[in-house]
């Protein structure tokens, strides 16, 4: 499991969630995913995949998408806001998503989905 230990990653995720929060008031679901790599080469490969994940999230119907990386922790993160859990599940169950996720090199991959309360 990946633990948030440094302020840089916490700040980065806070900014990602904060930026996505612009749309949260009318959304039902917030998804945050963090992928930590085992080594620098794997991290660089994961960073190269961030545009792919951003495009898939946007094309899949996310209301807001933020992606970022933290070189110190060799981690990448994505956050996205969705109108429903079903919309999110449709994307993450797709062949395109599975193909992109299969390219990630990781020592950990943590995904959390939060239901947004009014």
PDB file of N, CA and C in Angstrom:
ATOM      1  N   UNK A   1       0.838  -1.181   0.000  1.00  0.00           N
ATOM      2  CA  UNK A   1       0.000   0.000   0.000  1.00  0.00           C
ATOM      3  C   UNK A   1       0.878   1.239   0.000  1.00  0.00           C
ATOM      4  N   UNK A   2       0.464   2.273  -0.683  1.00  0.00           N
ATOM      5  CA  UNK A   2       1.213   3.507  -0.794  1.00  0.00           C
ATOM      6  C   UNK A   2       0.738   4.459   0.292  1.00  0.00           C
ATOM      7  N   UNK A   3       1.660   5.001   1.051  1.00  0.00           N
ATOM      8  CA  UNK A   3       1.318   5.926   2.120  1.00  0.00           C
ATOM      9  C   UNK A   3       1.766   7.330   1.740  1.00  0.00           C
ATOM     10  N   UNK A   4       0.915   8.288   1.965  1.00  0.00           N
ATOM     11  CA  UNK A   4       1.245   9.685   1.698  1.00  0.00           C
ATOM     12  C   UNK A   4       2.093  10.187   2.865  1.00  0.00           C
ATOM     13  N   UNK A   5       3.401  10.349   2.611  1.00  0.00           N
ATOM     14  CA  UNK A   5       4.290  10.744   3.689  1.00  0.00           C
ATOM     15  C   UNK A   5       4.868  12.127   3.520  1.00  0.00           C
ATOM     16  N   UNK A   6       4.934  12.647   2.345  1.00  0.00           N
ATOM     17  CA  UNK A   6       5.600  13.918   2.103  1.00  0.00           C
ATOM     18  C   UNK A   6       4.594  14.984   1.697  1.00  0.00           C
ATOM     19  N   UNK A   7       4.895  16.192   2.090  1.00  0.00           N
ATOM     20  CA  UNK A   7       3.971  17.286   1.816  1.00  0.00           C
ATOM     21  C   UNK A   7       3.797  17.541   0.323  1.00  0.00           C
ATOM     22  N   UNK A   8       4.816  17.270  -0.499  1.00  0.00           N
ATOM     23  CA  UNK A   8       4.691  17.516  -1.937  1.00  0.00           C
ATOM     24  C   UNK A   8       3.571  16.695  -2.553  1.00  0.00           C
ATOM     25  N   UNK A   9       3.517  15.412  -2.213  1.00  0.00           N
ATOM     26  CA  UNK A   9       2.473  14.569  -2.775  1.00  0.00           C
ATOM     27  C   UNK A   9       1.115  14.948  -2.201  1.00  0.00           C
ATOM     28  N   UNK A  10       1.079  15.219  -0.898  1.00  0.00           N
ATOM     29  CA  UNK A  10      -0.177  15.620  -0.278  1.00  0.00           C
ATOM     30  C   UNK A  10      -0.671  16.918  -0.907  1.00  0.00           C
ATOM     31  N   UNK A  11       0.240  17.865  -1.108  1.00  0.00           N
ATOM     32  CA  UNK A  11      -0.146  19.125  -1.740  1.00  0.00           C
ATOM     33  C   UNK A  11      -0.642  18.885  -3.157  1.00  0.00           C
ATOM     34  N   UNK A  12       0.068  18.043  -3.904  1.00  0.00           N
ATOM     35  CA  UNK A  12      -0.326  17.747  -5.277  1.00  0.00           C
ATOM     36  C   UNK A  12      -1.710  17.132  -5.350  1.00  0.00           C
ATOM     37  N   UNK A  13      -1.967  16.173  -4.475  1.00  0.00           N
ATOM     38  CA  UNK A  13      -3.292  15.548  -4.467  1.00  0.00           C
ATOM     39  C   UNK A  13      -4.351  16.530  -3.993  1.00  0.00           C
ATOM     40  N   UNK A  14      -3.986  17.360  -3.017  1.00  0.00           N
ATOM     41  CA  UNK A  14      -4.931  18.371  -2.550  1.00  0.00           C
ATOM     42  C   UNK A  14      -5.312  19.315  -3.667  1.00  0.00           C
ATOM     43  N   UNK A  15      -4.323  19.713  -4.456  1.00  0.00           N
ATOM     44  CA  UNK A  15      -4.594  20.591  -5.592  1.00  0.00           C
ATOM     45  C   UNK A  15      -5.462  19.888  -6.621  1.00  0.00           C
ATOM     46  N   UNK A  16      -5.183  18.599  -6.859  1.00  0.00           N
ATOM     47  CA  UNK A  16      -5.968  17.839  -7.834  1.00  0.00           C
ATOM     48  C   UNK A  16      -7.418  17.723  -7.381  1.00  0.00           C
ATOM     49  N   UNK A  17      -7.605  17.374  -6.125  1.00  0.00           N
ATOM     50  CA  UNK A  17      -8.964  17.243  -5.604  1.00  0.00           C
ATOM     51  C   UNK A  17      -9.633  18.611  -5.548  1.00  0.00           C
ATOM     52  N   UNK A  18      -8.880  19.629  -5.159  1.00  0.00           N
ATOM     53  CA  UNK A  18      -9.427  20.977  -5.097  1.00  0.00           C
ATOM     54  C   UNK A  18      -9.869  21.470  -6.458  1.00  0.00           C
ATOM     55  N   UNK A  19      -9.055  21.219  -7.465  1.00  0.00           N
ATOM     56  CA  UNK A  19      -9.422  21.633  -8.816  1.00  0.00           C
ATOM     57  C   UNK A  19     -10.652  20.884  -9.288  1.00  0.00           C
ATOM     58  N   UNK A  20     -10.732  19.610  -8.955  1.00  0.00           N
ATOM     59  CA  UNK A  20     -11.902  18.830  -9.342  1.00  0.00           C
ATOM     60  C   UNK A  20     -13.132  19.262  -8.551  1.00  0.00           C
ATOM     61  N   UNK A  21     -12.924  19.815  -7.378  1.00  0.00           N
ATOM     62  CA  UNK A  21     -14.038  20.201  -6.514  1.00  0.00           C
ATOM     63  C   UNK A  21     -14.915  21.282  -7.129  1.00  0.00           C
ATOM     64  N   UNK A  22     -14.395  21.988  -8.107  1.00  0.00           N
ATOM     65  CA  UNK A  22     -15.194  22.995  -8.794  1.00  0.00           C
ATOM     66  C   UNK A  22     -16.483  22.364  -9.324  1.00  0.00           C
ATOM     67  N   UNK A  23     -16.383  21.117  -9.771  1.00  0.00           N
ATOM     68  CA  UNK A  23     -17.536  20.421 -10.328  1.00  0.00           C
ATOM     69  C   UNK A  23     -18.234  19.522  -9.313  1.00  0.00           C
ATOM     70  N   UNK A  24     -17.651  19.338  -8.151  1.00  0.00           N
ATOM     71  CA  UNK A  24     -18.173  18.358  -7.199  1.00  0.00           C
ATOM     72  C   UNK A  24     -19.574  18.688  -6.709  1.00  0.00           C
ATOM     73  N   UNK A  25     -19.905  19.946  -6.601  1.00  0.00           N
ATOM     74  CA  UNK A  25     -21.203  20.314  -6.051  1.00  0.00           C
ATOM     75  C   UNK A  25     -22.351  19.640  -6.788  1.00  0.00           C
ATOM     76  N   UNK A  26     -22.191  19.361  -8.069  1.00  0.00           N
ATOM     77  CA  UNK A  26     -23.259  18.747  -8.843  1.00  0.00           C
ATOM     78  C   UNK A  26     -22.926  17.318  -9.257  1.00  0.00           C
ATOM     79  N   UNK A  27     -21.834  16.762  -8.729  1.00  0.00           N
ATOM     80  CA  UNK A  27     -21.412  15.425  -9.116  1.00  0.00           C
ATOM     81  C   UNK A  27     -21.775  14.416  -8.041  1.00  0.00           C
ATOM     82  N   UNK A  28     -21.757  13.168  -8.422  1.00  0.00           N
ATOM     83  CA  UNK A  28     -22.067  12.104  -7.483  1.00  0.00           C
ATOM     84  C   UNK A  28     -20.830  11.354  -7.010  1.00  0.00           C
ATOM     85  N   UNK A  29     -19.761  11.356  -7.806  1.00  0.00           N
ATOM     86  CA  UNK A  29     -18.623  10.487  -7.526  1.00  0.00           C
ATOM     87  C   UNK A  29     -17.304  11.214  -7.794  1.00  0.00           C
ATOM     88  N   UNK A  30     -16.356  11.046  -6.876  1.00  0.00           N
ATOM     89  CA  UNK A  30     -14.994  11.538  -7.051  1.00  0.00           C
ATOM     90  C   UNK A  30     -14.067  10.332  -7.002  1.00  0.00           C
ATOM     91  N   UNK A  31     -13.229  10.176  -8.027  1.00  0.00           N
ATOM     92  CA  UNK A  31     -12.272   9.062  -8.083  1.00  0.00           C
ATOM     93  C   UNK A  31     -10.866   9.627  -7.993  1.00  0.00           C
ATOM     94  N   UNK A  32     -10.052   9.066  -7.097  1.00  0.00           N
ATOM     95  CA  UNK A  32      -8.652   9.431  -6.961  1.00  0.00           C
ATOM     96  C   UNK A  32      -7.839   8.151  -7.080  1.00  0.00           C
ATOM     97  N   UNK A  33      -6.827   8.170  -7.955  1.00  0.00           N
ATOM     98  CA  UNK A  33      -5.952   7.006  -8.127  1.00  0.00           C
ATOM     99  C   UNK A  33      -4.499   7.448  -8.016  1.00  0.00           C
ATOM    100  N   UNK A  34      -3.699   6.653  -7.296  1.00  0.00           N
ATOM    101  CA  UNK A  34      -2.272   6.920  -7.131  1.00  0.00           C
ATOM    102  C   UNK A  34      -1.512   5.656  -7.513  1.00  0.00           C
ATOM    103  N   UNK A  35      -0.528   5.823  -8.385  1.00  0.00           N
ATOM    104  CA  UNK A  35       0.305   4.707  -8.808  1.00  0.00           C
ATOM    105  C   UNK A  35       1.752   5.044  -8.460  1.00  0.00           C
ATOM    106  N   UNK A  36       2.370   4.228  -7.630  1.00  0.00           N
ATOM    107  CA  UNK A  36       3.775   4.407  -7.269  1.00  0.00           C
ATOM    108  C   UNK A  36       4.610   3.379  -8.015  1.00  0.00           C
ATOM    109  N   UNK A  37       5.710   3.843  -8.609  1.00  0.00           N
ATOM    110  CA  UNK A  37       6.597   2.968  -9.379  1.00  0.00           C
ATOM    111  C   UNK A  37       7.708   2.414  -8.485  1.00  0.00           C
ATOM    112  N   UNK A  38       8.283   1.327  -8.935  1.00  0.00           N
ATOM    113  CA  UNK A  38       9.374   0.675  -8.207  1.00  0.00           C
ATOM    114  C   UNK A  38      10.708   1.374  -8.447  1.00  0.00           C
ATOM    115  N   UNK A  39      10.881   1.958  -9.644  1.00  0.00           N
ATOM    116  CA  UNK A  39      12.164   2.585  -9.981  1.00  0.00           C
ATOM    117  C   UNK A  39      11.923   3.768 -10.919  1.00  0.00           C
ATOM    118  N   UNK A  40      12.984   4.521 -11.199  1.00  0.00           N
ATOM    119  CA  UNK A  40      12.843   5.733 -11.999  1.00  0.00           C
ATOM    120  C   UNK A  40      12.409   5.460 -13.435  1.00  0.00           C
ATOM    121  N   UNK A  41      12.921   4.396 -14.015  1.00  0.00           N
ATOM    122  CA  UNK A  41      12.528   4.066 -15.395  1.00  0.00           C
ATOM    123  C   UNK A  41      11.028   3.778 -15.472  1.00  0.00           C
ATOM    124  N   UNK A  42      10.521   3.014 -14.518  1.00  0.00           N
ATOM    125  CA  UNK A  42       9.083   2.732 -14.483  1.00  0.00           C
ATOM    126  C   UNK A  42       8.283   4.009 -14.259  1.00  0.00           C
ATOM    127  N   UNK A  43       8.784   4.878 -13.366  1.00  0.00           N
ATOM    128  CA  UNK A  43       8.107   6.152 -13.109  1.00  0.00           C
ATOM    129  C   UNK A  43       7.997   6.976 -14.394  1.00  0.00           C
ATOM    130  N   UNK A  44       9.082   7.083 -15.136  1.00  0.00           N
ATOM    131  CA  UNK A  44       9.066   7.857 -16.378  1.00  0.00           C
ATOM    132  C   UNK A  44       8.067   7.280 -17.378  1.00  0.00           C
ATOM    133  N   UNK A  45       7.991   5.953 -17.443  1.00  0.00           N
ATOM    134  CA  UNK A  45       7.010   5.324 -18.316  1.00  0.00           C
ATOM    135  C   UNK A  45       5.584   5.631 -17.880  1.00  0.00           C
ATOM    136  N   UNK A  46       5.352   5.647 -16.567  1.00  0.00           N
ATOM    137  CA  UNK A  46       4.026   5.965 -16.040  1.00  0.00           C
ATOM    138  C   UNK A  46       3.654   7.416 -16.324  1.00  0.00           C
ATOM    139  N   UNK A  47       4.624   8.322 -16.161  1.00  0.00           N
ATOM    140  CA  UNK A  47       4.369   9.739 -16.453  1.00  0.00           C
ATOM    141  C   UNK A  47       3.970   9.905 -17.920  1.00  0.00           C
ATOM    142  N   UNK A  48       4.625   9.167 -18.791  1.00  0.00           N
ATOM    143  CA  UNK A  48       4.298   9.241 -20.221  1.00  0.00           C
ATOM    144  C   UNK A  48       2.870   8.797 -20.507  1.00  0.00           C
ATOM    145  N   UNK A  49       2.283   7.993 -19.627  1.00  0.00           N
ATOM    146  CA  UNK A  49       0.905   7.521 -19.803  1.00  0.00           C
ATOM    147  C   UNK A  49      -0.145   8.515 -19.301  1.00  0.00           C
ATOM    148  N   UNK A  50       0.261   9.542 -18.556  1.00  0.00           N
ATOM    149  CA  UNK A  50      -0.712  10.483 -17.997  1.00  0.00           C
ATOM    150  C   UNK A  50      -1.610  11.126 -19.058  1.00  0.00           C
ATOM    151  N   UNK A  51      -1.087  11.573 -20.200  1.00  0.00           N
ATOM    152  CA  UNK A  51      -1.997  12.136 -21.213  1.00  0.00           C
ATOM    153  C   UNK A  51      -3.027  11.121 -21.711  1.00  0.00           C
ATOM    154  N   UNK A  52      -2.623   9.861 -21.804  1.00  0.00           N
ATOM    155  CA  UNK A  52      -3.559   8.808 -22.227  1.00  0.00           C
ATOM    156  C   UNK A  52      -4.689   8.677 -21.220  1.00  0.00           C
ATOM    157  N   UNK A  53      -4.337   8.635 -19.927  1.00  0.00           N
ATOM    158  CA  UNK A  53      -5.376   8.520 -18.905  1.00  0.00           C
ATOM    159  C   UNK A  53      -6.261   9.762 -18.873  1.00  0.00           C
ATOM    160  N   UNK A  54      -5.678  10.937 -19.014  1.00  0.00           N
ATOM    161  CA  UNK A  54      -6.481  12.161 -19.033  1.00  0.00           C
ATOM    162  C   UNK A  54      -7.475  12.132 -20.188  1.00  0.00           C
ATOM    163  N   UNK A  55      -7.017  11.736 -21.369  1.00  0.00           N
ATOM    164  CA  UNK A  55      -7.907  11.655 -22.532  1.00  0.00           C
ATOM    165  C   UNK A  55      -9.016  10.633 -22.320  1.00  0.00           C
ATOM    166  N   UNK A  56      -8.662   9.469 -21.798  1.00  0.00           N
ATOM    167  CA  UNK A  56      -9.683   8.435 -21.556  1.00  0.00           C
ATOM    168  C   UNK A  56     -10.718   8.913 -20.545  1.00  0.00           C
ATOM    169  N   UNK A  57     -10.269   9.559 -19.482  1.00  0.00           N
ATOM    170  CA  UNK A  57     -11.199  10.053 -18.467  1.00  0.00           C
ATOM    171  C   UNK A  57     -12.144  11.099 -19.056  1.00  0.00           C
ATOM    172  N   UNK A  58     -11.591  12.003 -19.852  1.00  0.00           N
ATOM    173  CA  UNK A  58     -12.422  13.049 -20.472  1.00  0.00           C
ATOM    174  C   UNK A  58     -13.409  12.453 -21.478  1.00  0.00           C
ATOM    175  N   UNK A  59     -12.906  11.586 -22.343  1.00  0.00           N
ATOM    176  CA  UNK A  59     -13.771  10.965 -23.346  1.00  0.00           C
ATOM    177  C   UNK A  59     -14.808  10.051 -22.709  1.00  0.00           C
ATOM    178  N   UNK A  60     -14.484   9.504 -21.536  1.00  0.00           N
ATOM    179  CA  UNK A  60     -15.404   8.618 -20.839  1.00  0.00           C
ATOM    180  C   UNK A  60     -16.553   9.344 -20.169  1.00  0.00           C
ATOM    181  N   UNK A  61     -16.453  10.672 -20.098  1.00  0.00           N
ATOM    182  CA  UNK A  61     -17.566  11.436 -19.541  1.00  0.00           C
ATOM    183  C   UNK A  61     -17.303  12.105 -18.206  1.00  0.00           C
ATOM    184  N   UNK A  62     -16.055  12.138 -17.758  1.00  0.00           N
ATOM    185  CA  UNK A  62     -15.751  12.810 -16.494  1.00  0.00           C
ATOM    186  C   UNK A  62     -16.072  14.294 -16.616  1.00  0.00           C
ATOM    187  N   UNK A  63     -16.598  14.856 -15.555  1.00  0.00           N
ATOM    188  CA  UNK A  63     -16.928  16.276 -15.534  1.00  0.00           C
ATOM    189  C   UNK A  63     -15.693  17.138 -15.318  1.00  0.00           C
ATOM    190  N   UNK A  64     -14.701  16.602 -14.613  1.00  0.00           N
ATOM    191  CA  UNK A  64     -13.441  17.308 -14.374  1.00  0.00           C
ATOM    192  C   UNK A  64     -12.344  16.261 -14.236  1.00  0.00           C
ATOM    193  N   UNK A  65     -11.149  16.586 -14.742  1.00  0.00           N
ATOM    194  CA  UNK A  65     -10.022  15.664 -14.701  1.00  0.00           C
ATOM    195  C   UNK A  65      -8.758  16.446 -14.340  1.00  0.00           C
ATOM    196  N   UNK A  66      -7.992  15.920 -13.401  1.00  0.00           N
ATOM    197  CA  UNK A  66      -6.695  16.488 -13.047  1.00  0.00           C
ATOM    198  C   UNK A  66      -5.717  15.331 -12.934  1.00  0.00           C
ATOM    199  N   UNK A  67      -4.538  15.467 -13.581  1.00  0.00           N
ATOM    200  CA  UNK A  67      -3.495  14.453 -13.482  1.00  0.00           C
ATOM    201  C   UNK A  67      -2.206  15.134 -13.046  1.00  0.00           C
ATOM    202  N   UNK A  68      -1.320  14.382 -12.391  1.00  0.00           N
ATOM    203  CA  UNK A  68      -0.057  14.953 -11.962  1.00  0.00           C
ATOM    204  C   UNK A  68       0.924  13.874 -11.563  1.00  0.00           C
ATOM    205  N   UNK A  69       2.154  14.321 -11.292  1.00  0.00           N
ATOM    206  CA  UNK A  69       3.192  13.380 -10.903  1.00  0.00           C
ATOM    207  C   UNK A  69       4.023  13.960  -9.775  1.00  0.00           C
ATOM    208  N   UNK A  70       4.706  13.082  -9.052  1.00  0.00           N
ATOM    209  CA  UNK A  70       5.581  13.452  -7.946  1.00  0.00           C
ATOM    210  C   UNK A  70       6.862  12.640  -8.094  1.00  0.00           C
ATOM    211  N   UNK A  71       7.912  13.268  -8.638  1.00  0.00           N
ATOM    212  CA  UNK A  71       9.162  12.565  -8.904  1.00  0.00           C
ATOM    213  C   UNK A  71       9.820  12.057  -7.626  1.00  0.00           C
ATOM    214  N   UNK A  72       9.691  12.797  -6.536  1.00  0.00           N
ATOM    215  CA  UNK A  72      10.311  12.385  -5.273  1.00  0.00           C
ATOM    216  C   UNK A  72       9.797  11.026  -4.816  1.00  0.00           C
ATOM    217  N   UNK A  73       8.515  10.787  -5.017  1.00  0.00           N
ATOM    218  CA  UNK A  73       7.898   9.529  -4.597  1.00  0.00           C
ATOM    219  C   UNK A  73       7.687   8.558  -5.753  1.00  0.00           C
ATOM    220  N   UNK A  74       8.126   8.970  -6.953  1.00  0.00           N
ATOM    221  CA  UNK A  74       7.950   8.170  -8.164  1.00  0.00           C
ATOM    222  C   UNK A  74       6.493   7.736  -8.309  1.00  0.00           C
ATOM    223  N   UNK A  75       5.590   8.721  -8.130  1.00  0.00           N
ATOM    224  CA  UNK A  75       4.158   8.435  -8.162  1.00  0.00           C
ATOM    225  C   UNK A  75       3.450   9.343  -9.158  1.00  0.00           C
ATOM    226  N   UNK A  76       2.397   8.814  -9.736  1.00  0.00           N
ATOM    227  CA  UNK A  76       1.486   9.619 -10.548  1.00  0.00           C
ATOM    228  C   UNK A  76       0.116   9.554  -9.884  1.00  0.00           C
ATOM    229  N   UNK A  77      -0.706  10.562 -10.175  1.00  0.00           N
ATOM    230  CA  UNK A  77      -2.044  10.588  -9.604  1.00  0.00           C
ATOM    231  C   UNK A  77      -3.030  11.129 -10.633  1.00  0.00           C
ATOM    232  N   UNK A  78      -4.245  10.613 -10.565  1.00  0.00           N
ATOM    233  CA  UNK A  78      -5.345  11.151 -11.353  1.00  0.00           C
ATOM    234  C   UNK A  78      -6.524  11.370 -10.426  1.00  0.00           C
ATOM    235  N   UNK A  79      -7.276  12.422 -10.676  1.00  0.00           N
ATOM    236  CA  UNK A  79      -8.548  12.602  -9.982  1.00  0.00           C
ATOM    237  C   UNK A  79      -9.575  12.982 -11.023  1.00  0.00           C
ATOM    238  N   UNK A  80     -10.782  12.511 -10.829  1.00  0.00           N
ATOM    239  CA  UNK A  80     -11.848  12.802 -11.782  1.00  0.00           C
ATOM    240  C   UNK A  80     -13.189  12.839 -11.063  1.00  0.00           C
ATOM    241  N   UNK A  81     -14.069  13.658 -11.588  1.00  0.00           N
ATOM    242  CA  UNK A  81     -15.410  13.820 -11.035  1.00  0.00           C
ATOM    243  C   UNK A  81     -16.406  13.257 -12.042  1.00  0.00           C
ATOM    244  N   UNK A  82     -17.333  12.452 -11.540  1.00  0.00           N
ATOM    245  CA  UNK A  82     -18.290  11.734 -12.389  1.00  0.00           C
ATOM    246  C   UNK A  82     -19.719  12.002 -11.949  1.00  0.00           C
ATOM    247  N   UNK A  83     -20.624  11.953 -12.900  1.00  0.00           N
ATOM    248  CA  UNK A  83     -22.050  12.116 -12.610  1.00  0.00           C
ATOM    249  C   UNK A  83     -22.634  10.916 -11.892  1.00  0.00           C
ATOM    250  N   UNK A  84     -22.011   9.742 -12.085  1.00  0.00           N
ATOM    251  CA  UNK A  84     -22.512   8.538 -11.418  1.00  0.00           C
ATOM    252  C   UNK A  84     -21.422   7.475 -11.370  1.00  0.00           C
ATOM    253  N   UNK A  85     -21.566   6.570 -10.431  1.00  0.00           N
ATOM    254  CA  UNK A  85     -20.636   5.453 -10.322  1.00  0.00           C
ATOM    255  C   UNK A  85     -20.739   4.554 -11.551  1.00  0.00           C
ATOM    256  N   UNK A  86     -21.917   4.473 -12.145  1.00  0.00           N
ATOM    257  CA  UNK A  86     -22.113   3.643 -13.334  1.00  0.00           C
ATOM    258  C   UNK A  86     -21.302   4.180 -14.515  1.00  0.00           C
ATOM    259  N   UNK A  87     -21.253   5.507 -14.663  1.00  0.00           N
ATOM    260  CA  UNK A  87     -20.454   6.105 -15.733  1.00  0.00           C
ATOM    261  C   UNK A  87     -18.977   5.778 -15.546  1.00  0.00           C
ATOM    262  N   UNK A  88     -18.512   5.879 -14.325  1.00  0.00           N
ATOM    263  CA  UNK A  88     -17.121   5.557 -14.007  1.00  0.00           C
ATOM    264  C   UNK A  88     -16.830   4.088 -14.275  1.00  0.00           C
ATOM    265  N   UNK A  89     -17.701   3.210 -13.826  1.00  0.00           N
ATOM    266  CA  UNK A  89     -17.511   1.769 -14.018  1.00  0.00           C
ATOM    267  C   UNK A  89     -17.489   1.396 -15.494  1.00  0.00           C
ATOM    268  N   UNK A  90     -18.303   2.081 -16.286  1.00  0.00           N
ATOM    269  CA  UNK A  90     -18.317   1.816 -17.726  1.00  0.00           C
ATOM    270  C   UNK A  90     -16.944   2.096 -18.324  1.00  0.00           C
ATOM    271  N   UNK A  91     -16.332   3.214 -17.933  1.00  0.00           N
ATOM    272  CA  UNK A  91     -15.011   3.545 -18.460  1.00  0.00           C
ATOM    273  C   UNK A  91     -13.957   2.559 -17.958  1.00  0.00           C
ATOM    274  N   UNK A  92     -13.879   2.352 -16.653  1.00  0.00           N
ATOM    275  CA  UNK A  92     -12.811   1.516 -16.099  1.00  0.00           C
ATOM    276  C   UNK A  92     -12.968   0.044 -16.467  1.00  0.00           C
ATOM    277  N   UNK A  93     -14.123  -0.343 -16.950  1.00  0.00           N
ATOM    278  CA  UNK A  93     -14.333  -1.704 -17.432  1.00  0.00           C
ATOM    279  C   UNK A  93     -14.088  -1.856 -18.926  1.00  0.00           C
ATOM    280  N   UNK A  94     -13.796  -0.747 -19.609  1.00  0.00           N
ATOM    281  CA  UNK A  94     -13.617  -0.793 -21.059  1.00  0.00           C
ATOM    282  C   UNK A  94     -12.271  -1.402 -21.443  1.00  0.00           C
ATOM    283  N   UNK A  95     -12.210  -1.915 -22.665  1.00  0.00           N
ATOM    284  CA  UNK A  95     -10.970  -2.490 -23.183  1.00  0.00           C
ATOM    285  C   UNK A  95      -9.868  -1.436 -23.277  1.00  0.00           C
ATOM    286  N   UNK A  96     -10.220  -0.213 -23.685  1.00  0.00           N
ATOM    287  CA  UNK A  96      -9.225   0.856 -23.787  1.00  0.00           C
ATOM    288  C   UNK A  96      -8.596   1.161 -22.430  1.00  0.00           C
ATOM    289  N   UNK A  97      -9.433   1.231 -21.390  1.00  0.00           N
ATOM    290  CA  UNK A  97      -8.915   1.521 -20.048  1.00  0.00           C
ATOM    291  C   UNK A  97      -8.021   0.376 -19.566  1.00  0.00           C
ATOM    292  N   UNK A  98      -8.487  -0.829 -19.739  1.00  0.00           N
ATOM    293  CA  UNK A  98      -7.702  -1.987 -19.294  1.00  0.00           C
ATOM    294  C   UNK A  98      -6.362  -2.063 -20.021  1.00  0.00           C
ATOM    295  N   UNK A  99      -6.343  -1.712 -21.300  1.00  0.00           N
ATOM    296  CA  UNK A  99      -5.088  -1.734 -22.063  1.00  0.00           C
ATOM    297  C   UNK A  99      -4.115  -0.688 -21.523  1.00  0.00           C
ATOM    298  N   UNK A 100      -4.606   0.512 -21.249  1.00  0.00           N
ATOM    299  CA  UNK A 100      -3.738   1.566 -20.711  1.00  0.00           C
ATOM    300  C   UNK A 100      -3.252   1.206 -19.308  1.00  0.00           C
ATOM    301  N   UNK A 101      -4.153   0.746 -18.465  1.00  0.00           N
ATOM    302  CA  UNK A 101      -3.776   0.379 -17.092  1.00  0.00           C
ATOM    303  C   UNK A 101      -2.788  -0.784 -17.086  1.00  0.00           C
ATOM    304  N   UNK A 102      -2.890  -1.665 -18.061  1.00  0.00           N
ATOM    305  CA  UNK A 102      -1.971  -2.791 -18.158  1.00  0.00           C
ATOM    306  C   UNK A 102      -0.545  -2.372 -18.470  1.00  0.00           C
ATOM    307  N   UNK A 103      -0.358  -1.157 -18.949  1.00  0.00           N
ATOM    308  CA  UNK A 103       0.985  -0.652 -19.264  1.00  0.00           C
ATOM    309  C   UNK A 103       1.671  -0.024 -18.056  1.00  0.00           C
ATOM    310  N   UNK A 104       0.925   0.231 -16.995  1.00  0.00           N
ATOM    311  CA  UNK A 104       1.516   0.838 -15.807  1.00  0.00           C
ATOM    312  C   UNK A 104       2.487  -0.124 -15.137  1.00  0.00           C
ATOM    313  N   UNK A 105       3.634   0.413 -14.735  1.00  0.00           N
ATOM    314  CA  UNK A 105       4.614  -0.345 -13.953  1.00  0.00           C
ATOM    315  C   UNK A 105       4.473   0.161 -12.525  1.00  0.00           C
ATOM    316  N   UNK A 106       4.220  -0.733 -11.593  1.00  0.00           N
ATOM    317  CA  UNK A 106       3.893  -0.256 -10.253  1.00  0.00           C
ATOM    318  C   UNK A 106       4.350  -1.180  -9.143  1.00  0.00           C
ATOM    319  N   UNK A 107       4.595  -0.541  -8.013  1.00  0.00           N
ATOM    320  CA  UNK A 107       4.741  -1.307  -6.787  1.00  0.00           C
ATOM    321  C   UNK A 107       3.436  -1.203  -5.999  1.00  0.00           C
ATOM    322  N   UNK A 108       2.650  -0.161  -6.302  1.00  0.00           N
ATOM    323  CA  UNK A 108       1.321  -0.043  -5.713  1.00  0.00           C
ATOM    324  C   UNK A 108       0.411   0.749  -6.644  1.00  0.00           C
ATOM    325  N   UNK A 109      -0.874   0.463  -6.559  1.00  0.00           N
ATOM    326  CA  UNK A 109      -1.903   1.146  -7.353  1.00  0.00           C
ATOM    327  C   UNK A 109      -3.113   1.263  -6.436  1.00  0.00           C
ATOM    328  N   UNK A 110      -3.329   2.459  -5.916  1.00  0.00           N
ATOM    329  CA  UNK A 110      -4.409   2.694  -4.972  1.00  0.00           C
ATOM    330  C   UNK A 110      -5.483   3.541  -5.629  1.00  0.00           C
ATOM    331  N   UNK A 111      -6.703   3.057  -5.621  1.00  0.00           N
ATOM    332  CA  UNK A 111      -7.832   3.799  -6.171  1.00  0.00           C
ATOM    333  C   UNK A 111      -8.905   3.917  -5.098  1.00  0.00           C
ATOM    334  N   UNK A 112      -9.401   5.119  -4.935  1.00  0.00           N
ATOM    335  CA  UNK A 112     -10.506   5.362  -4.012  1.00  0.00           C
ATOM    336  C   UNK A 112     -11.617   6.070  -4.764  1.00  0.00           C
ATOM    337  N   UNK A 113     -12.838   5.659  -4.514  1.00  0.00           N
ATOM    338  CA  UNK A 113     -14.012   6.299  -5.108  1.00  0.00           C
ATOM    339  C   UNK A 113     -14.876   6.789  -3.952  1.00  0.00           C
ATOM    340  N   UNK A 114     -15.188   8.062  -4.001  1.00  0.00           N
ATOM    341  CA  UNK A 114     -15.948   8.703  -2.927  1.00  0.00           C
ATOM    342  C   UNK A 114     -17.303   9.133  -3.454  1.00  0.00           C
ATOM    343  N   UNK A 115     -18.349   8.811  -2.721  1.00  0.00           N
ATOM    344  CA  UNK A 115     -19.675   9.315  -3.045  1.00  0.00           C
ATOM    345  C   UNK A 115     -19.772  10.727  -2.485  1.00  0.00           C
ATOM    346  N   UNK A 116     -20.216  11.651  -3.297  1.00  0.00           N
ATOM    347  CA  UNK A 116     -20.299  13.044  -2.874  1.00  0.00           C
ATOM    348  C   UNK A 116     -21.663  13.275  -2.256  1.00  0.00           C
ATOM    349  N   UNK A 117     -21.659  13.772  -1.035  1.00  0.00           N
ATOM    350  CA  UNK A 117     -22.913  14.061  -0.337  1.00  0.00           C
ATOM    351  C   UNK A 117     -23.294  15.522  -0.555  1.00  0.00           C
ATOM    352  N   UNK A 118     -24.577  15.802  -0.765  1.00  0.00           N
ATOM    353  CA  UNK A 118     -24.996  17.193  -0.976  1.00  0.00           C
ATOM    354  C   UNK A 118     -24.828  18.034   0.278  1.00  0.00           C
TER     355      UNK A 118
END
